[in-house]
Amino acid sequence: MIKRTVLSALPALGILLIFALSARAENYTVTGDMSSRIHYELQHSITVGDDIKQLMLSFVLPQNFQSSTYRQVVRNADLAFAPEPQEKKRHKDSRGNDIIVATWNSAPPLITARLTFQATNSTRLQKQETRSPFPLPPPPIEIAPYLKATAQIQSESSEIRNLSLELTRNVKTEFDAVQRVMSWVVDHVRYVNPPPRYDALFTLESGRGNCQNFSHLSAALLRAVGIPVRIVNGVTLNQPFDIALQKGTLTFKMGQGRHSWIEIWFPDQGWIPYDPQNTQLFVSNRFVRIEVGVDNNETKNDGLLRWFRGRNATVSPKLQETIGASLSSDSVAVKGSRQSYGPRNLLLTPEVRAEFKPVEIKPSPPPPVIPEEKKKELRYDVPFLFGNLEFPGNVDFAFPRETMAAGKNAFEMTRNFLVETAEYVTTQVTQYAQVFVLNKPVRLERVGLALHRFGGDGWLWVDIHEDKDGKPGRLISASAIVNAEDLSLNPGYRWADFSFSVSQPVLMPGRYWIALGFTGSPIVNWFFTYGKPVGPVDGTRYKGIFQEDWSGALNYEFNYRIGGLTSNQET
């Protein structure tokens, strides 16, 4: 059986979809080419603290890489320190990473480090062909470490092994095994950041995690059935790119910051990149590949800060990381077509010639319909709270790292993947709306949004709209007006509640839209979560402020909460 495929799902991306989506498979075949020249700059500013006996800072220099879909060529790498360290060593580790370690034996109060390089990155989305069988034969000795279980990739656990065997039952090709596993991960893990743990077993049991969790669980399920996988750490850029569809355009916009993805080994193709959140058999040219290893405990050398302190130390070092990138040239010509099979969540893949069985999905049941006579009997006396409730509240994203003990009087601070994901939603040209879906009747009392005010003044409010053909329709109710000056200027995001205590609209089961309104000139950001942890794929929209049609859709989800009263009576 020769077929084409696609599969996998969401987040470490924000995705702009300028077309209407329905509740079905979100599986797209993409073709075309992307190429760009990237100027990359990473800067660390370290406030050293007191009584520090020795301080070490390491970086990984990115290297050239080539696969059948993704190519990276790095030139003119330069790493500068101020002041210069007393010692600077360069070596390659067992995974081939090129590491520089700078050491200050007498650390000054302030240290800065600046890494710059030029990268020519390209992604070629042409038809791929693989004949790798499943199960795989034993790999070469240099590939074997990427089959082993680790503390973060528990591929030998019975829970992971049993699921992997079930997903790959009766499979004859490696590609079929991989696409079944990736489709399952896409549809069963929802994005939260930061999660309490990053390992595969936690991800499987909780169904939650960030990019590290997606990577570790995917690697564990594949290693459990003999497919080598390695973890890649790098950076994604926030420059958008378009995919032309038959009826519209998909514009991808990734968050700028650190990211984790994977590479899977095919005997006839070598190492092939996958982003378990959204792409299969490729990553875009907005990905900068830096470090590889067996898991994210190992791939920690880029930006690793270590120190030894004396007995009188009271203040630990602090590190502020700034990642900047610009495109000196950029060319994108990509087309996409939607498939009738695949996961519910978004997955993109080039056309593939391989034997596989398409993954079928069942449609979600519609919300219940309550008869008119029953509505009159309902009593609203049960507290109700619903929404995308998880986000990193009150976090100063300039200093998000944590210090960990690493031996007697020894400490370290590694990079993390906590990225500020928010949209400026009080611009004078664009208005934003977020869907919420109720499965029970609710008397609405308040709507909370995860907001941060950077400045300006004015007034904010929330409108509730009916759903009409997947977009905001008739206005149902408006909240009380909130003075923008009542929102905190302190770093971080927190709930801002908009009251409906006067109108208290009653909402029957179904889809509704939150639309943020404003007047004046407030500068307010609304925090969002990659992917669609709670709602449907087409559930975040925007339009020009003077337009009637909510023509655009974003493939991330604003953080919101719906509060009120519901009924415990049978409906």
Protein backbone atom coordinates (compact mmCIF):
# COMPACT_ATOMS: atom_id res chain seq x y z
CA MET A 1 0.00 0.00 0.00
CA ILE A 2 1.58 3.30 -1.09
CA LYS A 3 0.04 6.45 0.36
CA ARG A 4 0.87 10.02 1.31
CA THR A 5 0.90 11.12 4.91
CA VAL A 6 1.12 13.91 7.48
CA LEU A 7 0.67 13.85 11.18
CA SER A 8 1.38 15.51 14.53
CA ALA A 9 0.33 18.58 16.36
CA LEU A 10 0.88 21.86 18.11
CA PRO A 11 2.71 24.44 20.07
CA ALA A 12 6.24 25.91 20.71
CA LEU A 13 4.44 27.75 17.64
CA GLY A 14 1.89 30.44 17.50
CA ILE A 15 0.11 29.97 14.14
CA LEU A 16 -1.97 32.43 12.16
CA LEU A 17 -4.66 30.75 10.03
CA ILE A 18 -6.42 33.03 7.57
CA PHE A 19 -9.25 30.69 6.65
CA ALA A 20 -12.15 28.92 8.34
CA LEU A 21 -11.47 25.61 10.09
CA SER A 22 -13.96 22.90 10.98
CA ALA A 23 -13.80 20.29 13.74
CA ARG A 24 -12.01 17.51 11.87
CA ALA A 25 -8.49 16.24 11.17
CA GLU A 26 -5.83 18.96 11.21
CA ASN A 27 -3.34 17.14 9.01
CA TYR A 28 -1.63 19.04 6.17
CA THR A 29 0.75 17.98 3.41
CA VAL A 30 3.17 20.81 2.58
CA THR A 31 5.44 21.30 -0.43
CA GLY A 32 7.93 23.99 -1.37
CA ASP A 33 11.12 25.61 -0.15
CA MET A 34 12.23 28.02 2.55
CA SER A 35 15.66 29.66 2.82
CA SER A 36 17.04 32.51 4.88
CA ARG A 37 20.23 34.12 6.10
CA ILE A 38 20.11 34.70 9.85
CA HIS A 39 22.18 37.04 11.99
CA TYR A 40 22.04 35.53 15.48
CA GLU A 41 23.09 37.19 18.72
CA LEU A 42 22.95 35.77 22.24
CA GLN A 43 23.93 37.95 25.18
CA HIS A 44 24.35 37.01 28.84
CA SER A 45 24.61 39.60 31.61
CA ILE A 46 25.70 38.07 34.92
CA THR A 47 25.53 39.81 38.28
CA VAL A 48 28.02 37.67 40.15
CA GLY A 49 26.97 38.00 43.82
CA ASP A 50 29.31 37.84 46.81
CA ASP A 51 32.08 35.49 47.98
CA ILE A 52 32.22 33.57 44.70
CA LYS A 53 35.45 31.55 44.58
CA GLN A 54 35.18 30.38 40.98
CA LEU A 55 32.64 30.94 38.20
CA MET A 56 32.33 29.02 34.91
CA LEU A 57 30.18 29.83 31.89
CA SER A 58 29.83 27.48 28.90
CA PHE A 59 28.43 27.82 25.40
CA VAL A 60 27.88 25.37 22.54
CA LEU A 61 28.92 26.60 19.11
CA PRO A 62 26.29 25.56 16.53
CA GLN A 63 27.51 23.34 13.72
CA ASN A 64 26.57 22.58 10.15
CA PHE A 65 23.83 19.97 9.70
CA GLN A 66 22.09 18.45 6.72
CA SER A 67 19.14 16.09 6.29
CA SER A 68 16.81 15.41 3.38
CA THR A 69 14.56 18.31 4.48
CA TYR A 70 16.57 20.72 6.67
CA ARG A 71 20.04 22.23 6.19
CA GLN A 72 22.03 24.59 8.43
CA VAL A 73 25.35 26.23 7.52
CA VAL A 74 27.06 28.32 10.21
CA ARG A 75 29.72 30.97 9.55
CA ASN A 76 31.65 33.65 11.42
CA ALA A 77 30.91 32.43 14.94
CA ASP A 78 32.38 34.78 17.56
CA LEU A 79 32.25 34.53 21.34
CA ALA A 80 33.41 37.55 23.36
CA PHE A 81 33.61 38.07 27.14
CA ALA A 82 33.99 41.20 29.26
CA PRO A 83 36.10 41.01 31.27
CA GLU A 84 38.11 38.20 29.72
CA PRO A 85 38.16 34.97 31.73
CA GLN A 86 41.36 33.70 33.34
CA GLU A 87 40.90 30.41 31.46
CA LYS A 88 39.08 29.40 28.30
CA LYS A 89 38.93 25.81 27.04
CA ARG A 90 37.30 24.30 23.95
CA HIS A 91 36.43 20.65 23.45
CA LYS A 92 34.00 18.27 21.74
CA ASP A 93 31.90 16.00 23.91
CA SER A 94 30.86 12.40 23.17
CA ARG A 95 27.82 13.63 21.17
CA GLY A 96 29.91 15.86 18.92
CA ASN A 97 28.90 19.18 20.53
CA ASP A 98 31.55 21.92 20.25
CA ILE A 99 31.76 23.42 23.76
CA ILE A 100 33.64 26.46 25.10
CA VAL A 101 34.03 26.82 28.88
CA ALA A 102 35.18 30.17 30.32
CA THR A 103 36.45 30.30 33.92
CA TRP A 104 36.94 33.24 36.27
CA ASN A 105 38.96 32.31 39.36
CA SER A 106 38.47 35.80 40.73
CA ALA A 107 35.02 36.76 39.50
CA PRO A 108 34.30 40.48 38.93
CA PRO A 109 30.92 41.97 40.00
CA LEU A 110 29.55 41.95 36.43
CA ILE A 111 30.29 39.67 33.47
CA THR A 112 28.90 39.91 29.96
CA ALA A 113 29.16 37.32 27.19
CA ARG A 114 28.13 37.77 23.56
CA LEU A 115 27.84 35.01 20.97
CA THR A 116 27.21 35.97 17.35
CA PHE A 117 27.16 34.00 14.10
CA GLN A 118 25.63 33.92 10.64
CA ALA A 119 23.47 30.94 9.68
CA THR A 120 22.14 30.02 6.26
CA ASN A 121 19.15 27.80 6.92
CA SER A 122 16.93 26.08 4.38
CA THR A 123 13.98 23.71 4.47
CA ARG A 124 13.11 21.68 1.38
CA LEU A 125 9.61 20.22 1.45
CA GLN A 126 9.73 17.82 -1.48
CA LYS A 127 8.43 14.26 -1.67
CA GLN A 128 10.24 12.01 0.80
CA GLU A 129 10.70 8.27 0.35
CA THR A 130 11.75 5.74 2.96
CA ARG A 131 11.83 1.96 2.86
CA SER A 132 13.13 1.39 6.38
CA PRO A 133 11.45 -1.71 7.82
CA PHE A 134 9.93 -2.18 11.25
CA PRO A 135 11.22 -3.54 13.54
CA LEU A 136 14.59 -2.02 12.69
CA PRO A 137 17.76 -4.11 12.55
CA PRO A 138 20.41 -3.30 15.19
CA PRO A 139 21.83 0.19 14.45
CA PRO A 140 25.53 1.07 14.06
CA ILE A 141 27.49 1.34 17.30
CA GLU A 142 27.57 5.15 17.20
CA ILE A 143 23.75 5.24 17.02
CA ALA A 144 23.15 2.75 19.88
CA PRO A 145 23.27 5.33 22.75
CA TYR A 146 20.08 6.88 21.38
CA LEU A 147 18.17 3.68 22.12
CA LYS A 148 18.90 3.71 25.85
CA ALA A 149 16.54 4.64 28.68
CA THR A 150 17.48 7.67 30.80
CA ALA A 151 16.12 9.45 33.86
CA GLN A 152 14.02 11.70 31.60
CA ILE A 153 13.28 9.15 28.87
CA GLN A 154 11.99 6.06 30.74
CA SER A 155 11.62 3.86 27.68
CA GLU A 156 11.95 0.69 29.79
CA SER A 157 8.92 1.47 31.99
CA SER A 158 6.00 -0.91 31.55
CA GLU A 159 3.52 1.95 30.96
CA ILE A 160 5.53 3.42 28.11
CA ARG A 161 6.50 0.09 26.59
CA ASN A 162 2.93 -1.26 26.64
CA LEU A 163 1.55 1.87 24.95
CA SER A 164 4.28 1.85 22.33
CA LEU A 165 3.67 -1.81 21.50
CA GLU A 166 -0.05 -1.16 21.21
CA LEU A 167 0.45 1.83 18.91
CA THR A 168 2.84 -0.06 16.60
CA ARG A 169 1.02 -3.39 16.48
CA ASN A 170 1.09 -5.01 13.00
CA VAL A 171 3.29 -2.21 11.63
CA LYS A 172 5.66 -3.11 8.77
CA THR A 173 7.61 0.14 8.18
CA GLU A 174 9.50 2.54 10.43
CA PHE A 175 7.59 5.52 9.05
CA ASP A 176 4.26 3.92 9.93
CA ALA A 177 5.47 3.26 13.48
CA VAL A 178 6.69 6.83 13.87
CA GLN A 179 3.56 8.49 12.47
CA ARG A 180 1.31 6.45 14.77
CA VAL A 181 3.35 7.42 17.83
CA MET A 182 3.60 11.09 16.85
CA SER A 183 -0.13 11.31 16.15
CA TRP A 184 -0.91 9.90 19.58
CA VAL A 185 1.42 12.37 21.31
CA VAL A 186 -0.05 15.30 19.41
CA ASP A 187 -3.58 14.47 20.48
CA HIS A 188 -2.89 13.37 24.08
CA VAL A 189 -0.46 15.97 25.44
CA ARG A 190 -1.51 19.56 26.04
CA TYR A 191 0.94 22.40 26.37
CA VAL A 192 1.58 23.95 29.80
CA ASN A 193 4.65 25.94 30.85
CA PRO A 194 6.33 25.45 33.18
CA PRO A 195 5.27 21.91 34.14
CA PRO A 196 6.41 20.47 37.50
CA ARG A 197 8.46 17.78 35.70
CA TYR A 198 9.86 17.25 32.22
CA ASP A 199 10.26 13.47 32.00
CA ALA A 200 8.39 11.11 29.69
CA LEU A 201 6.57 9.17 32.40
CA PHE A 202 5.15 12.33 33.98
CA THR A 203 4.05 13.49 30.54
CA LEU A 204 2.30 10.20 29.83
CA GLU A 205 0.53 10.11 33.20
CA SER A 206 -0.50 13.78 33.28
CA GLY A 207 -0.98 14.55 29.59
CA ARG A 208 0.76 17.90 30.19
CA GLY A 209 4.05 19.56 29.43
CA ASN A 210 6.17 21.95 27.42
CA CYS A 211 8.49 21.30 24.46
CA GLN A 212 10.81 19.17 26.63
CA ASN A 213 7.89 16.94 27.63
CA PHE A 214 6.74 16.47 24.04
CA SER A 215 10.31 15.54 23.04
CA HIS A 216 10.96 13.18 25.97
CA LEU A 217 7.67 11.29 25.60
CA SER A 218 8.06 10.92 21.83
CA ALA A 219 11.63 9.67 22.30
CA ALA A 220 10.60 7.21 25.03
CA LEU A 221 7.78 5.67 22.99
CA LEU A 222 10.02 5.27 19.94
CA ARG A 223 13.08 3.99 21.80
CA ALA A 224 10.84 1.45 23.54
CA VAL A 225 10.31 -0.27 20.17
CA GLY A 226 13.88 0.05 18.93
CA ILE A 227 13.81 3.36 17.02
CA PRO A 228 16.80 5.64 17.81
CA VAL A 229 15.90 9.21 18.81
CA ARG A 230 18.11 12.07 19.95
CA ILE A 231 17.11 15.31 21.65
CA VAL A 232 17.94 18.61 19.97
CA ASN A 233 18.16 21.95 21.75
CA GLY A 234 18.18 25.22 19.89
CA VAL A 235 16.31 28.43 19.32
CA THR A 236 13.23 29.33 17.30
CA LEU A 237 12.81 32.76 15.70
CA ASN A 238 9.62 34.81 15.71
CA GLN A 239 9.66 35.84 12.04
CA PRO A 240 6.44 34.54 10.45
CA PHE A 241 6.08 32.62 7.20
CA ASP A 242 3.10 31.82 4.97
CA ILE A 243 1.73 28.56 3.60
CA ALA A 244 -0.61 29.00 0.64
CA LEU A 245 -3.75 26.85 0.74
CA GLN A 246 -6.54 26.32 -1.72
CA LYS A 247 -8.79 28.59 0.35
CA GLY A 248 -6.55 30.96 2.25
CA THR A 249 -3.20 31.25 3.96
CA LEU A 250 -1.60 29.79 7.06
CA THR A 251 0.92 32.17 8.60
CA PHE A 252 3.19 30.58 11.18
CA LYS A 253 4.66 32.79 13.87
CA MET A 254 6.92 31.05 16.39
CA GLY A 255 7.92 32.41 19.76
CA GLN A 256 11.53 33.61 19.92
CA GLY A 257 13.46 31.67 22.51
CA ARG A 258 14.88 28.30 23.46
CA HIS A 259 13.18 25.19 22.15
CA SER A 260 13.55 21.40 22.31
CA TRP A 261 12.77 19.01 19.45
CA ILE A 262 13.97 15.59 18.24
CA GLU A 263 15.76 13.83 15.40
CA ILE A 264 14.80 10.28 14.44
CA TRP A 265 17.25 7.88 12.77
CA PHE A 266 16.17 6.09 9.58
CA PRO A 267 18.66 3.53 8.19
CA ASP A 268 18.06 4.79 4.63
CA GLN A 269 17.82 8.51 5.44
CA GLY A 270 20.01 9.19 8.47
CA TRP A 271 18.87 11.68 11.13
CA ILE A 272 15.58 13.44 10.27
CA PRO A 273 14.20 16.35 12.37
CA TYR A 274 10.72 16.28 13.92
CA ASP A 275 9.04 18.83 16.17
CA PRO A 276 6.60 16.66 18.18
CA GLN A 277 4.37 19.67 18.74
CA ASN A 278 3.63 20.48 15.11
CA THR A 279 5.83 19.08 12.29
CA GLN A 280 6.86 15.70 10.98
CA LEU A 281 9.98 14.90 8.95
CA PHE A 282 11.11 18.55 9.02
CA VAL A 283 11.55 21.72 11.01
CA SER A 284 11.32 25.15 9.43
CA ASN A 285 14.26 27.38 8.59
CA ARG A 286 13.26 29.47 11.63
CA PHE A 287 14.88 26.76 13.80
CA VAL A 288 18.53 27.24 14.82
CA ARG A 289 20.07 23.91 15.82
CA ILE A 290 22.67 24.14 18.61
CA GLU A 291 23.11 21.06 20.86
CA VAL A 292 22.21 17.33 20.77
CA GLY A 293 22.17 14.55 23.33
CA VAL A 294 20.30 11.61 24.81
CA ASP A 295 17.95 13.86 26.84
CA ASN A 296 17.64 17.40 28.20
CA ASN A 297 19.64 16.52 31.31
CA GLU A 298 22.58 15.99 28.98
CA THR A 299 21.95 18.81 26.50
CA LYS A 300 22.47 21.55 29.08
CA ASN A 301 25.89 23.00 28.19
CA ASP A 302 24.71 25.95 26.11
CA GLY A 303 24.38 28.84 28.55
CA LEU A 304 25.31 26.72 31.58
CA LEU A 305 26.50 28.83 34.55
CA ARG A 306 28.34 27.09 37.41
CA TRP A 307 30.10 28.44 40.51
CA PHE A 308 31.71 27.61 43.82
CA ARG A 309 30.98 29.93 46.71
CA GLY A 310 32.62 30.60 50.04
CA ARG A 311 31.17 30.26 53.52
CA ASN A 312 30.23 33.94 53.70
CA ALA A 313 28.19 34.03 50.50
CA THR A 314 24.72 35.53 50.87
CA VAL A 315 23.78 36.53 47.32
CA SER A 316 23.76 34.07 44.40
CA PRO A 317 24.60 35.11 40.84
CA LYS A 318 21.82 36.29 38.54
CA LEU A 319 21.78 35.84 34.78
CA GLN A 320 19.77 37.74 32.19
CA GLU A 321 19.65 36.18 28.71
CA THR A 322 18.76 38.13 25.58
CA ILE A 323 18.26 36.34 22.25
CA GLY A 324 18.18 38.43 19.10
CA ALA A 325 17.95 37.43 15.46
CA SER A 326 17.31 39.15 12.16
CA LEU A 327 16.92 37.90 8.60
CA SER A 328 19.19 39.57 6.04
CA SER A 329 17.41 37.57 3.32
CA ASP A 330 14.35 35.35 3.33
CA SER A 331 12.53 33.38 0.66
CA VAL A 332 9.43 31.26 1.32
CA ALA A 333 7.33 29.47 -1.29
CA VAL A 334 5.25 26.77 0.42
CA LYS A 335 1.87 25.30 -0.44
CA GLY A 336 -0.31 23.07 1.72
CA SER A 337 -3.29 20.77 1.31
CA ARG A 338 -5.53 19.42 4.06
CA GLN A 339 -5.96 15.66 4.46
CA SER A 340 -9.09 13.81 5.56
CA TYR A 341 -7.26 11.76 8.20
CA GLY A 342 -4.83 12.38 11.02
CA PRO A 343 -4.81 13.89 14.51
CA ARG A 344 -7.23 16.52 15.77
CA ASN A 345 -4.36 18.88 16.43
CA LEU A 346 -2.27 20.53 13.77
CA LEU A 347 0.51 18.55 12.09
CA LEU A 348 2.44 19.45 8.95
CA THR A 349 4.54 17.05 6.88
CA PRO A 350 6.02 16.88 3.40
CA GLU A 351 4.55 14.36 1.00
CA VAL A 352 5.81 10.88 1.85
CA ARG A 353 6.04 7.73 -0.21
CA ALA A 354 5.89 4.90 2.31
CA GLU A 355 3.63 2.12 3.48
CA PHE A 356 1.43 3.24 6.37
CA LYS A 357 -2.09 3.15 7.74
CA PRO A 358 -3.80 6.57 8.03
CA VAL A 359 -4.86 7.51 11.54
CA GLU A 360 -8.61 8.08 11.71
CA ILE A 361 -10.36 10.32 14.22
CA LYS A 362 -13.88 10.35 15.57
CA PRO A 363 -15.78 13.66 15.63
CA SER A 364 -16.43 15.27 19.02
CA PRO A 365 -20.02 15.11 20.25
CA PRO A 366 -21.87 18.45 20.02
CA PRO A 367 -22.93 20.28 23.21
CA PRO A 368 -26.34 19.15 24.55
CA VAL A 369 -29.46 21.04 23.44
CA ILE A 370 -31.76 22.00 26.32
CA PRO A 371 -35.50 22.24 25.49
CA GLU A 372 -37.14 25.62 26.12
CA GLU A 373 -39.46 24.24 28.81
CA LYS A 374 -36.49 22.76 30.64
CA LYS A 375 -34.57 26.05 30.61
CA LYS A 376 -37.30 27.70 32.72
CA GLU A 377 -36.89 25.07 35.45
CA LEU A 378 -33.15 25.43 35.90
CA ARG A 379 -31.80 26.88 39.16
CA TYR A 380 -28.29 28.35 39.11
CA ASP A 381 -26.74 27.56 42.47
CA VAL A 382 -23.52 25.61 41.76
CA PRO A 383 -20.20 27.52 41.49
CA PHE A 384 -18.64 27.25 38.02
CA LEU A 385 -15.11 27.98 36.83
CA PHE A 386 -13.77 27.03 33.40
CA GLY A 387 -11.07 28.01 30.93
CA ASN A 388 -7.41 27.96 30.03
CA LEU A 389 -6.39 28.43 33.65
CA GLU A 390 -2.68 27.53 33.64
CA PHE A 391 -0.05 30.16 32.91
CA PRO A 392 3.13 31.34 34.67
CA GLY A 393 1.67 34.11 36.82
CA ASN A 394 3.75 36.98 38.21
CA VAL A 395 6.93 35.75 36.50
CA ASP A 396 9.63 38.27 35.64
CA PHE A 397 10.73 36.82 32.30
CA ALA A 398 13.98 38.77 32.44
CA PHE A 399 15.18 36.49 35.29
CA PRO A 400 13.36 33.15 34.95
CA ARG A 401 16.24 30.76 35.84
CA GLU A 402 16.55 28.79 39.05
CA THR A 403 19.67 27.90 41.02
CA MET A 404 20.35 24.22 41.77
CA ALA A 405 22.89 22.56 44.06
CA ALA A 406 25.63 20.63 42.22
CA GLY A 407 27.83 19.37 45.08
CA LYS A 408 29.48 20.81 48.17
CA ASN A 409 29.45 24.61 47.85
CA ALA A 410 28.82 24.09 44.13
CA PHE A 411 25.80 25.41 42.23
CA GLU A 412 24.59 25.71 38.66
CA MET A 413 22.03 27.57 36.61
CA THR A 414 20.93 26.02 33.30
CA ARG A 415 18.94 27.46 30.42
CA ASN A 416 15.20 26.92 30.50
CA PHE A 417 12.39 26.99 27.99
CA LEU A 418 10.13 29.53 29.69
CA VAL A 419 9.27 32.06 26.97
CA GLU A 420 7.03 35.10 27.31
CA THR A 421 4.16 34.33 24.91
CA ALA A 422 1.77 37.25 24.72
CA GLU A 423 0.02 39.44 22.17
CA TYR A 424 -0.29 43.22 22.27
CA VAL A 425 -4.10 43.38 22.20
CA THR A 426 -4.84 47.09 22.56
CA THR A 427 -3.34 48.13 19.26
CA GLN A 428 -5.39 50.69 17.33
CA VAL A 429 -5.58 48.46 14.24
CA THR A 430 -6.50 44.98 15.52
CA GLN A 431 -9.05 43.42 17.89
CA TYR A 432 -8.80 39.88 19.30
CA ALA A 433 -11.36 37.29 20.36
CA GLN A 434 -11.15 33.93 22.15
CA VAL A 435 -13.74 31.14 21.94
CA PHE A 436 -14.99 29.14 24.91
CA VAL A 437 -17.22 26.08 24.70
CA LEU A 438 -19.78 25.29 27.41
CA ASN A 439 -21.23 21.83 27.94
CA LYS A 440 -23.66 23.01 30.61
CA PRO A 441 -25.78 26.14 31.17
CA VAL A 442 -24.04 28.98 33.03
CA ARG A 443 -25.16 32.26 34.56
CA LEU A 444 -22.15 34.41 33.81
CA GLU A 445 -20.72 36.56 36.59
CA ARG A 446 -17.17 37.37 35.44
CA VAL A 447 -14.57 36.77 32.77
CA GLY A 448 -10.87 36.82 33.68
CA LEU A 449 -8.03 37.45 31.23
CA ALA A 450 -4.30 36.94 31.88
CA LEU A 451 -3.03 40.48 31.25
CA HIS A 452 -0.03 42.72 31.81
CA ARG A 453 -0.08 46.49 31.48
CA PHE A 454 3.09 48.11 30.19
CA GLY A 455 1.77 51.66 30.29
CA GLY A 456 -0.69 54.07 28.74
CA ASP A 457 -4.16 54.92 29.97
CA GLY A 458 -7.72 54.23 28.93
CA TRP A 459 -10.52 51.75 29.59
CA LEU A 460 -11.01 48.04 28.90
CA TRP A 461 -14.07 45.80 28.75
CA VAL A 462 -15.13 42.36 27.53
CA ASP A 463 -17.92 41.63 25.05
CA ILE A 464 -19.58 38.21 24.86
CA HIS A 465 -20.68 37.15 21.38
CA GLU A 466 -22.67 34.26 20.01
CA ASP A 467 -20.89 31.96 17.58
CA LYS A 468 -21.80 32.34 13.91
CA ASP A 469 -20.14 30.01 11.41
CA GLY A 470 -17.06 29.65 13.58
CA LYS A 471 -16.62 33.39 14.21
CA PRO A 472 -17.97 35.95 16.71
CA GLY A 473 -21.56 36.80 15.86
CA ARG A 474 -24.32 38.72 17.64
CA LEU A 475 -23.33 40.65 20.77
CA ILE A 476 -24.90 39.09 23.88
CA SER A 477 -23.56 41.20 26.73
CA ALA A 478 -20.79 43.60 27.76
CA SER A 479 -18.88 43.66 31.04
CA ALA A 480 -18.36 46.56 33.38
CA ILE A 481 -15.59 48.89 32.24
CA VAL A 482 -12.16 48.57 33.90
CA ASN A 483 -9.73 51.47 34.20
CA ALA A 484 -6.40 50.44 32.67
CA GLU A 485 -4.63 52.15 35.57
CA ASP A 486 -6.07 49.47 37.87
CA LEU A 487 -3.88 46.87 36.12
CA SER A 488 -0.47 46.37 37.73
CA LEU A 489 2.74 47.56 36.09
CA ASN A 490 4.78 44.95 38.00
CA PRO A 491 6.56 42.30 35.90
CA GLY A 492 4.49 39.28 34.95
CA TYR A 493 0.93 38.37 34.04
CA ARG A 494 -2.05 37.99 36.37
CA TRP A 495 -5.82 37.66 36.20
CA ALA A 496 -7.82 40.78 35.41
CA ASP A 497 -11.52 40.09 36.10
CA PHE A 498 -14.31 41.81 34.14
CA SER A 499 -17.64 41.79 35.95
CA PHE A 500 -21.01 40.76 34.47
CA SER A 501 -22.78 41.04 37.85
CA VAL A 502 -25.28 43.57 36.52
CA SER A 503 -26.45 41.82 33.34
CA GLN A 504 -25.69 38.22 34.44
CA PRO A 505 -26.40 36.69 31.01
CA VAL A 506 -27.44 33.04 30.97
CA LEU A 507 -25.49 31.01 28.42
CA MET A 508 -26.81 27.66 27.22
CA PRO A 509 -24.37 24.90 26.11
CA GLY A 510 -22.47 25.90 22.97
CA ARG A 511 -19.69 28.08 21.57
CA TYR A 512 -19.23 31.70 22.65
CA TRP A 513 -16.61 34.36 22.08
CA ILE A 514 -14.76 36.71 24.40
CA ALA A 515 -13.82 39.92 22.56
CA LEU A 516 -11.60 42.46 24.32
CA GLY A 517 -12.67 46.08 23.79
CA PHE A 518 -10.76 49.22 24.72
CA THR A 519 -10.67 52.99 24.38
CA GLY A 520 -7.85 55.45 24.89
CA SER A 521 -4.24 54.30 24.58
CA PRO A 522 -3.57 51.47 27.05
CA ILE A 523 -0.55 49.25 26.32
CA VAL A 524 -1.74 45.80 27.43
CA ASN A 525 -0.53 42.28 26.55
CA TRP A 526 -2.72 39.17 26.81
CA PHE A 527 -0.82 35.96 27.63
CA PHE A 528 -1.37 32.95 25.40
CA THR A 529 -0.49 29.25 25.47
CA TYR A 530 0.94 27.42 22.46
CA GLY A 531 -1.59 25.16 20.78
CA LYS A 532 -5.16 24.67 21.93
CA PRO A 533 -5.03 23.16 25.43
CA VAL A 534 -8.76 23.73 26.04
CA GLY A 535 -10.62 24.83 22.93
CA PRO A 536 -10.91 24.06 19.21
CA VAL A 537 -8.14 24.74 16.69
CA ASP A 538 -9.99 27.68 15.11
CA GLY A 539 -10.86 29.22 18.49
CA THR A 540 -8.71 32.37 18.53
CA ARG A 541 -9.49 35.11 16.03
CA TYR A 542 -8.69 38.69 15.11
CA LYS A 543 -9.90 41.46 12.81
CA GLY A 544 -9.12 45.02 11.91
CA ILE A 545 -10.66 47.38 14.44
CA PHE A 546 -12.95 48.96 11.83
CA GLN A 547 -13.83 45.69 10.07
CA GLU A 548 -16.93 43.59 10.59
CA ASP A 549 -15.57 40.16 9.65
CA TRP A 550 -13.30 38.26 12.06
CA SER A 551 -11.31 36.96 9.10
CA GLY A 552 -8.12 35.81 10.83
CA ALA A 553 -7.49 32.91 13.21
CA LEU A 554 -4.53 32.25 15.50
CA ASN A 555 -3.42 28.76 16.44
CA TYR A 556 -2.64 29.52 20.04
CA GLU A 557 -5.05 30.06 22.89
CA PHE A 558 -5.36 33.15 25.07
CA ASN A 559 -5.53 32.38 28.78
CA TYR A 560 -9.03 33.06 30.10
CA ARG A 561 -11.39 31.96 32.87
CA ILE A 562 -15.19 31.93 32.90
CA GLY A 563 -16.78 32.29 36.34
CA GLY A 564 -20.41 32.07 37.42
CA LEU A 565 -23.10 29.64 38.51
CA THR A 566 -24.42 26.51 36.85
CA SER A 567 -27.21 24.05 37.61
CA ASN A 568 -26.90 20.51 38.97
CA GLN A 569 -30.30 19.57 37.54
CA GLU A 570 -30.50 17.04 34.73
CA THR A 571 -30.62 18.74 31.33
